[in-house]
Amino acid sequence: MEFKDYYKILGVDKNASADEIKKAYRKLARKYHPDVSKEADASARMAEVNEANTVLSDPEKRAAYDNLGKESAYRQGQDFRAPPNWDAGYEFTGSHDGDGMDNAAFSDFFEQMFGRTARAQRGGGNGSGSAGASQFRGGPPPSQRGEDHHAKIELGLQDSYTGAERMLTLRGAKLDDSGHLVNEERQLQVTIPKGVREGQLIRLPGQGSPGYGGAPNGDLFLEVQFKPDARWRAQDRDVYQLVNIAPWEAELGGPIEVTTPSGSTVEVNVPAHSKPGRKLRLKERGLPSATPGDLYLELHVVLPQASTDDQRAAYSQLAKAFPQFNPRSGQ
């Protein structure tokens, strides 16, 4: 996937105002619109321009996109892979998912970075909010429930085992009176339910857009993602944990103690002749729920470093004990 430098595509500065972005878009649209342009690649350029405008003309998308660029100086066209949960903590207007967008009109970059957000906004959640109110200019706003919002949040896997109270900071953006982007934040005290799973939504009633005419506010939906952790990962309710063992523990077997993501320590019997990658299942020690998941311990054999004469002698003795052993015989 190639990185898209939307500022370069529109030919505007990163501090450009909304009006400057709009003018740049209109100028390029007149140049590349397929109905009038004689450029050989007019359709492709127009699609690129439309995509750049979709992101930069939307304060919420633009703020998240700008933050991505702060992490690294990405260049137009360079190979790109989105960092895990790159948009965690950013709040977007619209429900957590939607439909009705023509995916073919956008690049893989846009689809991966903003596709779901764009669909949610086009779907309009409950179809109300500021857009709905603007249809009744000149008179009192109708009674309409506010739009829902959504945001992705990162939690530790351990939070799911115990449940937690967290003060979360959500970032958003708006335009000031001169049309320049202004970043803003708000903090929310959130109760993390025990047993929450990746992808699950936590609903905060009334934390979306304001309602009109006495109607209630929209809701905020927080989509849970677990922070990447080299020690363990979750798949639905099941949890996979990497466990280091010594070569003699792998070959001879025997009991070992393991501290699980729940914080408890359990004694596990390693079967003799265990190979690296073997999984030991601990039933119902995955994420808690009415039907708890399982915990899988993935064995990883670690070789001790020989730093003393005695330790080097032990390795030499091991080699003498297995004169026929050739670890490359199967290659």
C-alpha atoms as a PDB file:
ATOM      1  CA  MET A   1       0.000   0.000   0.000  1.00  0.00           C
ATOM      2  CA  GLU A   2       1.250   3.467  -0.906  1.00  0.00           C
ATOM      3  CA  PHE A   3       1.105   6.467   1.404  1.00  0.00           C
ATOM      4  CA  LYS A   4      -1.052   9.361   0.195  1.00  0.00           C
ATOM      5  CA  ASP A   5       0.209  12.883   0.880  1.00  0.00           C
ATOM      6  CA  TYR A   6      -3.126  14.657   0.639  1.00  0.00           C
ATOM      7  CA  TYR A   7      -1.586  18.108   1.114  1.00  0.00           C
ATOM      8  CA  LYS A   8       0.750  17.523  -1.806  1.00  0.00           C
ATOM      9  CA  ILE A   9      -2.094  16.202  -3.955  1.00  0.00           C
ATOM     10  CA  LEU A  10      -4.125  19.371  -3.394  1.00  0.00           C
ATOM     11  CA  GLY A  11      -1.015  21.582  -3.497  1.00  0.00           C
ATOM     12  CA  VAL A  12      -1.724  23.287  -0.169  1.00  0.00           C
ATOM     13  CA  ASP A  13       0.313  23.967   2.945  1.00  0.00           C
ATOM     14  CA  LYS A  14      -0.262  21.844   6.043  1.00  0.00           C
ATOM     15  CA  ASN A  15      -1.562  24.938   7.811  1.00  0.00           C
ATOM     16  CA  ALA A  16      -4.018  25.744   5.029  1.00  0.00           C
ATOM     17  CA  SER A  17      -7.421  27.057   6.063  1.00  0.00           C
ATOM     18  CA  ALA A  18     -10.677  25.413   5.073  1.00  0.00           C
ATOM     19  CA  ASP A  19     -11.204  28.131   2.465  1.00  0.00           C
ATOM     20  CA  GLU A  20      -7.746  27.541   0.938  1.00  0.00           C
ATOM     21  CA  ILE A  21      -8.445  23.813   0.746  1.00  0.00           C
ATOM     22  CA  LYS A  22     -11.798  24.448  -0.886  1.00  0.00           C
ATOM     23  CA  LYS A  23     -10.262  26.763  -3.493  1.00  0.00           C
ATOM     24  CA  ALA A  24      -7.470  24.308  -4.271  1.00  0.00           C
ATOM     25  CA  TYR A  25      -9.995  21.505  -4.675  1.00  0.00           C
ATOM     26  CA  ARG A  26     -12.218  23.505  -7.023  1.00  0.00           C
ATOM     27  CA  LYS A  27      -9.246  24.553  -9.136  1.00  0.00           C
ATOM     28  CA  LEU A  28      -8.074  20.960  -9.548  1.00  0.00           C
ATOM     29  CA  ALA A  29     -11.633  19.700 -10.113  1.00  0.00           C
ATOM     30  CA  ARG A  30     -11.995  22.106 -13.049  1.00  0.00           C
ATOM     31  CA  LYS A  31      -8.678  20.852 -14.426  1.00  0.00           C
ATOM     32  CA  TYR A  32      -9.202  17.114 -14.043  1.00  0.00           C
ATOM     33  CA  HIS A  33     -12.953  16.557 -14.194  1.00  0.00           C
ATOM     34  CA  PRO A  34     -13.345  13.781 -16.803  1.00  0.00           C
ATOM     35  CA  ASP A  35     -16.184  15.642 -18.552  1.00  0.00           C
ATOM     36  CA  VAL A  36     -13.959  18.567 -19.472  1.00  0.00           C
ATOM     37  CA  SER A  37     -10.334  17.529 -19.045  1.00  0.00           C
ATOM     38  CA  LYS A  38      -8.158  16.415 -21.933  1.00  0.00           C
ATOM     39  CA  GLU A  39      -5.505  14.987 -19.582  1.00  0.00           C
ATOM     40  CA  ALA A  40      -4.840  11.305 -20.265  1.00  0.00           C
ATOM     41  CA  ASP A  41      -5.037  10.414 -16.585  1.00  0.00           C
ATOM     42  CA  ALA A  42      -7.868  12.800 -15.727  1.00  0.00           C
ATOM     43  CA  SER A  43     -10.100  10.173 -14.076  1.00  0.00           C
ATOM     44  CA  ALA A  44      -7.335   8.894 -11.846  1.00  0.00           C
ATOM     45  CA  ARG A  45      -6.224  12.391 -10.863  1.00  0.00           C
ATOM     46  CA  MET A  46      -9.799  13.443 -10.155  1.00  0.00           C
ATOM     47  CA  ALA A  47     -10.305  10.429  -7.898  1.00  0.00           C
ATOM     48  CA  GLU A  48      -7.103  11.323  -6.045  1.00  0.00           C
ATOM     49  CA  VAL A  49      -8.198  14.933  -5.647  1.00  0.00           C
ATOM     50  CA  ASN A  50     -11.647  13.911  -4.397  1.00  0.00           C
ATOM     51  CA  GLU A  51     -10.071  11.590  -1.858  1.00  0.00           C
ATOM     52  CA  ALA A  52      -7.668  14.255  -0.570  1.00  0.00           C
ATOM     53  CA  ASN A  53     -10.536  16.714  -0.246  1.00  0.00           C
ATOM     54  CA  THR A  54     -12.653  14.169   1.630  1.00  0.00           C
ATOM     55  CA  VAL A  55      -9.984  13.939   4.324  1.00  0.00           C
ATOM     56  CA  LEU A  56      -8.686  17.511   4.511  1.00  0.00           C
ATOM     57  CA  SER A  57     -12.120  19.159   4.416  1.00  0.00           C
ATOM     58  CA  ASP A  58     -13.245  17.116   7.414  1.00  0.00           C
ATOM     59  CA  PRO A  59     -11.713  18.465  10.674  1.00  0.00           C
ATOM     60  CA  GLU A  60     -11.963  15.116  12.472  1.00  0.00           C
ATOM     61  CA  LYS A  61     -10.318  13.088   9.697  1.00  0.00           C
ATOM     62  CA  ARG A  62      -7.737  15.800   9.078  1.00  0.00           C
ATOM     63  CA  ALA A  63      -6.681  15.906  12.738  1.00  0.00           C
ATOM     64  CA  ALA A  64      -6.150  12.137  12.831  1.00  0.00           C
ATOM     65  CA  TYR A  65      -4.308  12.218   9.485  1.00  0.00           C
ATOM     66  CA  ASP A  66      -2.051  15.052  10.682  1.00  0.00           C
ATOM     67  CA  ASN A  67      -1.176  13.110  13.827  1.00  0.00           C
ATOM     68  CA  LEU A  68      -0.176  10.131  11.693  1.00  0.00           C
ATOM     69  CA  GLY A  69       2.286  12.371   9.852  1.00  0.00           C
ATOM     70  CA  LYS A  70       3.850  13.480  13.151  1.00  0.00           C
ATOM     71  CA  GLU A  71       4.980   9.936  13.888  1.00  0.00           C
ATOM     72  CA  SER A  72       7.109   9.724  10.763  1.00  0.00           C
ATOM     73  CA  ALA A  73       7.886  11.824   7.698  1.00  0.00           C
ATOM     74  CA  TYR A  74       5.937   9.742   5.205  1.00  0.00           C
ATOM     75  CA  ARG A  75       6.312  10.632   1.552  1.00  0.00           C
ATOM     76  CA  GLN A  76       3.796  10.473  -1.254  1.00  0.00           C
ATOM     77  CA  GLY A  77       3.909   7.018  -2.875  1.00  0.00           C
ATOM     78  CA  GLN A  78       6.212   5.317  -0.372  1.00  0.00           C
ATOM     79  CA  ASP A  79       5.372   1.851   0.925  1.00  0.00           C
ATOM     80  CA  PHE A  80       3.189   2.239   3.973  1.00  0.00           C
ATOM     81  CA  ARG A  81       1.664   0.085   6.660  1.00  0.00           C
ATOM     82  CA  ALA A  82      -0.619   1.719   9.185  1.00  0.00           C
ATOM     83  CA  PRO A  83       0.672   1.522  12.787  1.00  0.00           C
ATOM     84  CA  PRO A  84      -1.560  -0.651  15.000  1.00  0.00           C
ATOM     85  CA  ASN A  85      -4.551   1.297  16.318  1.00  0.00           C
ATOM     86  CA  TRP A  86      -3.148   4.474  14.734  1.00  0.00           C
ATOM     87  CA  ASP A  87      -6.455   6.299  15.250  1.00  0.00           C
ATOM     88  CA  ALA A  88      -7.085   5.157  18.834  1.00  0.00           C
ATOM     89  CA  GLY A  89      -8.253   8.069  20.978  1.00  0.00           C
ATOM     90  CA  TYR A  90      -9.715  10.077  18.076  1.00  0.00           C
ATOM     91  CA  GLU A  91     -13.407  10.828  18.196  1.00  0.00           C
ATOM     92  CA  PHE A  92     -15.462  10.863  15.016  1.00  0.00           C
ATOM     93  CA  THR A  93     -19.022  11.879  14.317  1.00  0.00           C
ATOM     94  CA  GLY A  94     -21.248   9.022  13.192  1.00  0.00           C
ATOM     95  CA  SER A  95     -22.048   5.584  14.516  1.00  0.00           C
ATOM     96  CA  HIS A  96     -19.300   2.978  14.814  1.00  0.00           C
ATOM     97  CA  ASP A  97     -20.123   1.498  11.419  1.00  0.00           C
ATOM     98  CA  GLY A  98     -22.197   2.313   8.425  1.00  0.00           C
ATOM     99  CA  ASP A  99     -22.778   1.545   4.802  1.00  0.00           C
ATOM    100  CA  GLY A 100     -23.598   3.145   1.504  1.00  0.00           C
ATOM    101  CA  MET A 101     -20.136   4.291   0.429  1.00  0.00           C
ATOM    102  CA  ASP A 102     -18.706   3.428  -2.976  1.00  0.00           C
ATOM    103  CA  ASN A 103     -15.471   1.781  -1.859  1.00  0.00           C
ATOM    104  CA  ALA A 104     -14.220   1.532  -5.446  1.00  0.00           C
ATOM    105  CA  ALA A 105     -13.951   5.326  -5.619  1.00  0.00           C
ATOM    106  CA  PHE A 106     -11.189   5.394  -3.008  1.00  0.00           C
ATOM    107  CA  SER A 107      -7.651   4.041  -2.763  1.00  0.00           C
ATOM    108  CA  ASP A 108      -6.560   1.154  -0.538  1.00  0.00           C
ATOM    109  CA  PHE A 109      -4.865   3.757   1.668  1.00  0.00           C
ATOM    110  CA  PHE A 110      -8.105   5.646   2.237  1.00  0.00           C
ATOM    111  CA  GLU A 111     -10.154   2.502   2.711  1.00  0.00           C
ATOM    112  CA  GLN A 112      -7.819   1.157   5.384  1.00  0.00           C
ATOM    113  CA  MET A 113      -7.378   4.458   7.178  1.00  0.00           C
ATOM    114  CA  PHE A 114     -10.785   6.092   6.886  1.00  0.00           C
ATOM    115  CA  GLY A 115     -13.125   3.676   5.153  1.00  0.00           C
ATOM    116  CA  ARG A 116     -15.196   2.680   8.138  1.00  0.00           C
ATOM    117  CA  THR A 117     -15.308   6.215   9.503  1.00  0.00           C
ATOM    118  CA  ALA A 118     -16.457   7.548   6.143  1.00  0.00           C
ATOM    119  CA  ARG A 119     -19.171   4.917   5.897  1.00  0.00           C
ATOM    120  CA  ALA A 120     -20.335   5.754   9.399  1.00  0.00           C
ATOM    121  CA  GLN A 121     -20.568   9.442   8.561  1.00  0.00           C
ATOM    122  CA  ARG A 122     -22.365   8.787   5.295  1.00  0.00           C
ATOM    123  CA  GLY A 123     -24.681   6.397   7.033  1.00  0.00           C
ATOM    124  CA  GLY A 124     -25.351   9.297   9.388  1.00  0.00           C
ATOM    125  CA  GLY A 125     -25.962   7.181  12.452  1.00  0.00           C
ATOM    126  CA  ASN A 126     -29.474   8.293  13.329  1.00  0.00           C
ATOM    127  CA  GLY A 127     -29.601  10.790  10.473  1.00  0.00           C
ATOM    128  CA  SER A 128     -29.828  13.821  12.723  1.00  0.00           C
ATOM    129  CA  GLY A 129     -27.390  16.313  14.192  1.00  0.00           C
ATOM    130  CA  SER A 130     -26.113  19.527  12.645  1.00  0.00           C
ATOM    131  CA  ALA A 131     -26.768  18.427   9.077  1.00  0.00           C
ATOM    132  CA  GLY A 132     -30.391  17.780   9.893  1.00  0.00           C
ATOM    133  CA  ALA A 133     -30.809  21.050  11.716  1.00  0.00           C
ATOM    134  CA  SER A 134     -29.329  23.044   8.822  1.00  0.00           C
ATOM    135  CA  GLN A 135     -32.277  22.010   6.666  1.00  0.00           C
ATOM    136  CA  PHE A 136     -34.545  24.215   8.766  1.00  0.00           C
ATOM    137  CA  ARG A 137     -32.690  27.507   8.669  1.00  0.00           C
ATOM    138  CA  GLY A 138     -34.910  30.506   9.246  1.00  0.00           C
ATOM    139  CA  GLY A 139     -37.082  28.733  11.784  1.00  0.00           C
ATOM    140  CA  PRO A 140     -36.718  26.950  15.072  1.00  0.00           C
ATOM    141  CA  PRO A 141     -34.697  23.746  14.832  1.00  0.00           C
ATOM    142  CA  PRO A 142     -36.749  20.558  14.769  1.00  0.00           C
ATOM    143  CA  SER A 143     -36.774  18.203  17.655  1.00  0.00           C
ATOM    144  CA  GLN A 144     -34.056  15.763  16.699  1.00  0.00           C
ATOM    145  CA  ARG A 145     -31.807  13.492  18.628  1.00  0.00           C
ATOM    146  CA  GLY A 146     -28.100  14.344  18.359  1.00  0.00           C
ATOM    147  CA  GLU A 147     -25.759  12.301  16.224  1.00  0.00           C
ATOM    148  CA  ASP A 148     -23.870   9.395  17.706  1.00  0.00           C
ATOM    149  CA  HIS A 149     -20.069   9.539  17.927  1.00  0.00           C
ATOM    150  CA  HIS A 150     -17.515   6.770  17.878  1.00  0.00           C
ATOM    151  CA  ALA A 151     -13.902   6.344  18.908  1.00  0.00           C
ATOM    152  CA  LYS A 152     -11.406   3.537  19.210  1.00  0.00           C
ATOM    153  CA  ILE A 153      -9.702   3.072  22.587  1.00  0.00           C
ATOM    154  CA  GLU A 154      -6.730   0.965  23.650  1.00  0.00           C
ATOM    155  CA  LEU A 155      -6.824  -1.100  26.823  1.00  0.00           C
ATOM    156  CA  GLY A 156      -4.499  -3.592  28.456  1.00  0.00           C
ATOM    157  CA  LEU A 157      -5.626  -7.199  28.198  1.00  0.00           C
ATOM    158  CA  GLN A 158      -5.489  -7.407  31.986  1.00  0.00           C
ATOM    159  CA  ASP A 159      -8.292  -4.829  32.187  1.00  0.00           C
ATOM    160  CA  SER A 160     -10.630  -7.408  30.705  1.00  0.00           C
ATOM    161  CA  TYR A 161      -9.815  -9.909  33.450  1.00  0.00           C
ATOM    162  CA  THR A 162     -10.567  -7.528  36.283  1.00  0.00           C
ATOM    163  CA  GLY A 163     -12.691  -4.726  34.889  1.00  0.00           C
ATOM    164  CA  ALA A 164     -11.456  -1.196  35.559  1.00  0.00           C
ATOM    165  CA  GLU A 165     -12.194   2.494  35.890  1.00  0.00           C
ATOM    166  CA  ARG A 166     -10.223   4.576  33.393  1.00  0.00           C
ATOM    167  CA  MET A 167      -9.968   8.298  32.694  1.00  0.00           C
ATOM    168  CA  LEU A 168      -9.776   8.416  28.899  1.00  0.00           C
ATOM    169  CA  THR A 169      -8.748  11.364  26.759  1.00  0.00           C
ATOM    170  CA  LEU A 170     -10.459  11.661  23.388  1.00  0.00           C
ATOM    171  CA  ARG A 171      -9.112  13.975  20.715  1.00  0.00           C
ATOM    172  CA  GLY A 172     -11.163  15.802  18.156  1.00  0.00           C
ATOM    173  CA  ALA A 173     -10.965  18.951  16.059  1.00  0.00           C
ATOM    174  CA  LYS A 174     -13.000  21.886  14.836  1.00  0.00           C
ATOM    175  CA  LEU A 175     -12.471  24.935  12.652  1.00  0.00           C
ATOM    176  CA  ASP A 176     -11.961  28.344  14.219  1.00  0.00           C
ATOM    177  CA  ASP A 177     -13.541  31.527  12.840  1.00  0.00           C
ATOM    178  CA  SER A 178     -10.763  31.848  10.239  1.00  0.00           C
ATOM    179  CA  GLY A 179     -11.274  28.256   9.060  1.00  0.00           C
ATOM    180  CA  HIS A 180      -8.073  26.875  10.562  1.00  0.00           C
ATOM    181  CA  LEU A 181      -7.958  23.533  12.290  1.00  0.00           C
ATOM    182  CA  VAL A 182      -8.063  23.628  16.080  1.00  0.00           C
ATOM    183  CA  ASN A 183      -7.391  20.426  17.994  1.00  0.00           C
ATOM    184  CA  GLU A 184      -9.425  19.808  21.112  1.00  0.00           C
ATOM    185  CA  GLU A 185      -9.614  17.157  23.802  1.00  0.00           C
ATOM    186  CA  ARG A 186     -12.090  15.960  26.369  1.00  0.00           C
ATOM    187  CA  GLN A 187     -11.734  13.517  29.233  1.00  0.00           C
ATOM    188  CA  LEU A 188     -14.254  10.915  30.243  1.00  0.00           C
ATOM    189  CA  GLN A 189     -14.395   8.587  33.222  1.00  0.00           C
ATOM    190  CA  VAL A 190     -15.236   5.194  31.759  1.00  0.00           C
ATOM    191  CA  THR A 191     -16.125   1.928  33.434  1.00  0.00           C
ATOM    192  CA  ILE A 192     -14.441  -0.970  31.641  1.00  0.00           C
ATOM    193  CA  PRO A 193     -16.655  -4.045  32.092  1.00  0.00           C
ATOM    194  CA  LYS A 194     -15.039  -7.285  33.171  1.00  0.00           C
ATOM    195  CA  GLY A 195     -14.717  -9.678  30.257  1.00  0.00           C
ATOM    196  CA  VAL A 196     -14.716  -6.992  27.557  1.00  0.00           C
ATOM    197  CA  ARG A 197     -13.446  -8.319  24.232  1.00  0.00           C
ATOM    198  CA  GLU A 198     -11.584  -6.758  21.338  1.00  0.00           C
ATOM    199  CA  GLY A 199     -14.019  -5.108  18.969  1.00  0.00           C
ATOM    200  CA  GLN A 200     -16.727  -4.804  21.618  1.00  0.00           C
ATOM    201  CA  LEU A 201     -18.497  -1.451  21.929  1.00  0.00           C
ATOM    202  CA  ILE A 202     -18.900   0.418  25.200  1.00  0.00           C
ATOM    203  CA  ARG A 203     -21.864   2.797  24.968  1.00  0.00           C
ATOM    204  CA  LEU A 204     -21.814   6.108  26.824  1.00  0.00           C
ATOM    205  CA  PRO A 205     -25.352   7.525  26.667  1.00  0.00           C
ATOM    206  CA  GLY A 206     -25.653  11.229  25.907  1.00  0.00           C
ATOM    207  CA  GLN A 207     -21.958  11.776  25.069  1.00  0.00           C
ATOM    208  CA  GLY A 208     -22.534  12.275  21.335  1.00  0.00           C
ATOM    209  CA  SER A 209     -23.698  15.451  19.591  1.00  0.00           C
ATOM    210  CA  PRO A 210     -26.288  17.670  21.306  1.00  0.00           C
ATOM    211  CA  GLY A 211     -29.920  17.090  20.483  1.00  0.00           C
ATOM    212  CA  TYR A 212     -32.208  19.833  19.134  1.00  0.00           C
ATOM    213  CA  GLY A 213     -35.557  21.093  20.290  1.00  0.00           C
ATOM    214  CA  GLY A 214     -35.380  19.266  23.582  1.00  0.00           C
ATOM    215  CA  ALA A 215     -34.436  15.932  22.001  1.00  0.00           C
ATOM    216  CA  PRO A 216     -31.736  13.893  23.752  1.00  0.00           C
ATOM    217  CA  ASN A 217     -28.049  13.951  22.884  1.00  0.00           C
ATOM    218  CA  GLY A 218     -26.522  11.233  20.757  1.00  0.00           C
ATOM    219  CA  ASP A 219     -24.442   8.469  22.300  1.00  0.00           C
ATOM    220  CA  LEU A 220     -20.715   7.808  22.185  1.00  0.00           C
ATOM    221  CA  PHE A 221     -19.559   4.312  21.246  1.00  0.00           C
ATOM    222  CA  LEU A 222     -16.059   3.269  22.306  1.00  0.00           C
ATOM    223  CA  GLU A 223     -14.611   0.379  20.318  1.00  0.00           C
ATOM    224  CA  VAL A 224     -12.209  -1.652  22.424  1.00  0.00           C
ATOM    225  CA  GLN A 225      -8.802  -2.624  21.088  1.00  0.00           C
ATOM    226  CA  PHE A 226      -6.128  -4.311  23.193  1.00  0.00           C
ATOM    227  CA  LYS A 227      -2.680  -2.730  23.271  1.00  0.00           C
ATOM    228  CA  PRO A 228      -0.124  -4.827  21.397  1.00  0.00           C
ATOM    229  CA  ASP A 229       1.758  -6.884  24.003  1.00  0.00           C
ATOM    230  CA  ALA A 230       4.565  -9.325  23.234  1.00  0.00           C
ATOM    231  CA  ARG A 231       3.500 -11.498  26.175  1.00  0.00           C
ATOM    232  CA  TRP A 232       0.002 -12.367  25.047  1.00  0.00           C
ATOM    233  CA  ARG A 233      -2.786 -11.811  22.565  1.00  0.00           C
ATOM    234  CA  ALA A 234      -6.520 -12.449  22.488  1.00  0.00           C
ATOM    235  CA  GLN A 235      -8.680 -14.114  19.881  1.00  0.00           C
ATOM    236  CA  ASP A 236     -12.269 -13.523  20.885  1.00  0.00           C
ATOM    237  CA  ARG A 237     -12.455 -14.976  24.426  1.00  0.00           C
ATOM    238  CA  ASP A 238      -9.353 -17.173  24.096  1.00  0.00           C
ATOM    239  CA  VAL A 239      -5.959 -15.835  25.154  1.00  0.00           C
ATOM    240  CA  TYR A 240      -2.555 -16.984  23.906  1.00  0.00           C
ATOM    241  CA  GLN A 241       0.446 -16.483  26.176  1.00  0.00           C
ATOM    242  CA  LEU A 242       4.108 -17.029  25.304  1.00  0.00           C
ATOM    243  CA  VAL A 243       5.938 -19.078  27.962  1.00  0.00           C
ATOM    244  CA  ASN A 244       9.706 -19.488  27.964  1.00  0.00           C
ATOM    245  CA  ILE A 245      11.078 -22.845  29.126  1.00  0.00           C
ATOM    246  CA  ALA A 246      14.569 -24.292  29.450  1.00  0.00           C
ATOM    247  CA  PRO A 247      15.757 -27.072  27.093  1.00  0.00           C
ATOM    248  CA  TRP A 248      15.695 -29.619  29.917  1.00  0.00           C
ATOM    249  CA  GLU A 249      12.145 -28.610  30.862  1.00  0.00           C
ATOM    250  CA  ALA A 250      11.086 -29.164  27.256  1.00  0.00           C
ATOM    251  CA  GLU A 251      12.734 -32.560  26.952  1.00  0.00           C
ATOM    252  CA  LEU A 252      12.333 -33.993  30.447  1.00  0.00           C
ATOM    253  CA  GLY A 253       9.020 -32.363  31.243  1.00  0.00           C
ATOM    254  CA  GLY A 254       7.817 -31.442  34.707  1.00  0.00           C
ATOM    255  CA  PRO A 255       5.957 -28.735  36.618  1.00  0.00           C
ATOM    256  CA  ILE A 256       6.581 -25.020  36.019  1.00  0.00           C
ATOM    257  CA  GLU A 257       4.953 -21.927  37.496  1.00  0.00           C
ATOM    258  CA  VAL A 258       3.346 -19.409  35.146  1.00  0.00           C
ATOM    259  CA  THR A 259       1.912 -15.977  35.933  1.00  0.00           C
ATOM    260  CA  THR A 260      -1.174 -15.527  33.777  1.00  0.00           C
ATOM    261  CA  PRO A 261      -2.683 -12.257  32.443  1.00  0.00           C
ATOM    262  CA  SER A 262      -5.175 -12.343  35.326  1.00  0.00           C
ATOM    263  CA  GLY A 263      -2.237 -11.893  37.715  1.00  0.00           C
ATOM    264  CA  SER A 264      -2.603 -15.327  39.275  1.00  0.00           C
ATOM    265  CA  THR A 265       0.184 -17.907  39.335  1.00  0.00           C
ATOM    266  CA  VAL A 266      -0.613 -21.435  38.253  1.00  0.00           C
ATOM    267  CA  GLU A 267       1.438 -24.622  38.214  1.00  0.00           C
ATOM    268  CA  VAL A 268       1.476 -26.331  34.844  1.00  0.00           C
ATOM    269  CA  ASN A 269       2.938 -29.685  33.921  1.00  0.00           C
ATOM    270  CA  VAL A 270       5.062 -29.555  30.773  1.00  0.00           C
ATOM    271  CA  PRO A 271       4.854 -32.915  28.974  1.00  0.00           C
ATOM    272  CA  ALA A 272       8.168 -34.580  28.212  1.00  0.00           C
ATOM    273  CA  HIS A 273       9.531 -34.184  24.650  1.00  0.00           C
ATOM    274  CA  SER A 274       7.678 -30.876  24.130  1.00  0.00           C
ATOM    275  CA  LYS A 275       8.635 -28.998  20.966  1.00  0.00           C
ATOM    276  CA  PRO A 276       8.785 -25.196  20.583  1.00  0.00           C
ATOM    277  CA  GLY A 277       5.350 -23.856  19.706  1.00  0.00           C
ATOM    278  CA  ARG A 278       3.442 -26.541  21.571  1.00  0.00           C
ATOM    279  CA  LYS A 279       0.282 -25.191  23.144  1.00  0.00           C
ATOM    280  CA  LEU A 280      -0.936 -26.185  26.597  1.00  0.00           C
ATOM    281  CA  ARG A 281      -4.621 -25.445  27.142  1.00  0.00           C
ATOM    282  CA  LEU A 282      -5.840 -24.120  30.478  1.00  0.00           C
ATOM    283  CA  LYS A 283      -9.597 -24.465  30.310  1.00  0.00           C
ATOM    284  CA  GLU A 284     -11.695 -21.397  31.210  1.00  0.00           C
ATOM    285  CA  ARG A 285      -8.680 -19.237  32.065  1.00  0.00           C
ATOM    286  CA  GLY A 286      -9.174 -16.988  29.026  1.00  0.00           C
ATOM    287  CA  LEU A 287     -11.306 -13.841  29.145  1.00  0.00           C
ATOM    288  CA  PRO A 288     -14.090 -14.093  31.722  1.00  0.00           C
ATOM    289  CA  SER A 289     -17.695 -14.359  30.606  1.00  0.00           C
ATOM    290  CA  ALA A 290     -20.716 -16.597  31.110  1.00  0.00           C
ATOM    291  CA  THR A 291     -18.764 -19.026  28.923  1.00  0.00           C
ATOM    292  CA  PRO A 292     -15.123 -18.175  29.718  1.00  0.00           C
ATOM    293  CA  GLY A 293     -12.467 -18.479  27.067  1.00  0.00           C
ATOM    294  CA  ASP A 294      -9.430 -20.721  27.378  1.00  0.00           C
ATOM    295  CA  LEU A 295      -5.812 -19.767  27.984  1.00  0.00           C
ATOM    296  CA  TYR A 296      -3.243 -21.338  25.673  1.00  0.00           C
ATOM    297  CA  LEU A 297       0.375 -21.387  26.822  1.00  0.00           C
ATOM    298  CA  GLU A 298       2.687 -21.397  23.804  1.00  0.00           C
ATOM    299  CA  LEU A 299       6.013 -22.967  24.720  1.00  0.00           C
ATOM    300  CA  HIS A 300       9.198 -21.225  23.626  1.00  0.00           C
ATOM    301  CA  VAL A 301      12.526 -22.930  24.329  1.00  0.00           C
ATOM    302  CA  VAL A 302      15.267 -20.561  25.498  1.00  0.00           C
ATOM    303  CA  LEU A 303      18.913 -21.645  25.415  1.00  0.00           C
ATOM    304  CA  PRO A 304      21.081 -20.538  28.345  1.00  0.00           C
ATOM    305  CA  GLN A 305      24.272 -18.703  27.418  1.00  0.00           C
ATOM    306  CA  ALA A 306      27.484 -20.495  28.393  1.00  0.00           C
ATOM    307  CA  SER A 307      29.541 -17.851  30.179  1.00  0.00           C
ATOM    308  CA  THR A 308      31.769 -19.923  32.494  1.00  0.00           C
ATOM    309  CA  ASP A 309      34.118 -22.861  31.961  1.00  0.00           C
ATOM    310  CA  ASP A 310      31.724 -25.171  33.783  1.00  0.00           C
ATOM    311  CA  GLN A 311      28.827 -24.056  31.589  1.00  0.00           C
ATOM    312  CA  ARG A 312      30.848 -24.524  28.386  1.00  0.00           C
ATOM    313  CA  ALA A 313      31.903 -27.945  29.664  1.00  0.00           C
ATOM    314  CA  ALA A 314      28.245 -28.810  30.223  1.00  0.00           C
ATOM    315  CA  TYR A 315      27.459 -28.001  26.582  1.00  0.00           C
ATOM    316  CA  SER A 316      30.444 -30.080  25.448  1.00  0.00           C
ATOM    317  CA  GLN A 317      29.217 -32.952  27.572  1.00  0.00           C
ATOM    318  CA  LEU A 318      25.764 -32.565  26.026  1.00  0.00           C
ATOM    319  CA  ALA A 319      27.284 -32.789  22.542  1.00  0.00           C
ATOM    320  CA  LYS A 320      29.154 -35.943  23.514  1.00  0.00           C
ATOM    321  CA  ALA A 321      25.935 -37.472  24.855  1.00  0.00           C
ATOM    322  CA  PHE A 322      24.223 -37.024  21.458  1.00  0.00           C
ATOM    323  CA  PRO A 323      26.904 -37.876  18.842  1.00  0.00           C
ATOM    324  CA  GLN A 324      24.290 -38.738  16.209  1.00  0.00           C
ATOM    325  CA  PHE A 325      22.188 -35.621  16.666  1.00  0.00           C
ATOM    326  CA  ASN A 326      22.200 -33.324  13.619  1.00  0.00           C
ATOM    327  CA  PRO A 327      19.754 -30.370  13.909  1.00  0.00           C
ATOM    328  CA  ARG A 328      20.104 -29.727  10.148  1.00  0.00           C
ATOM    329  CA  SER A 329      19.355 -33.251   9.020  1.00  0.00           C
ATOM    330  CA  GLY A 330      15.799 -32.340   8.041  1.00  0.00           C
ATOM    331  CA  GLN A 331      16.728 -29.243   6.050  1.00  0.00           C
END
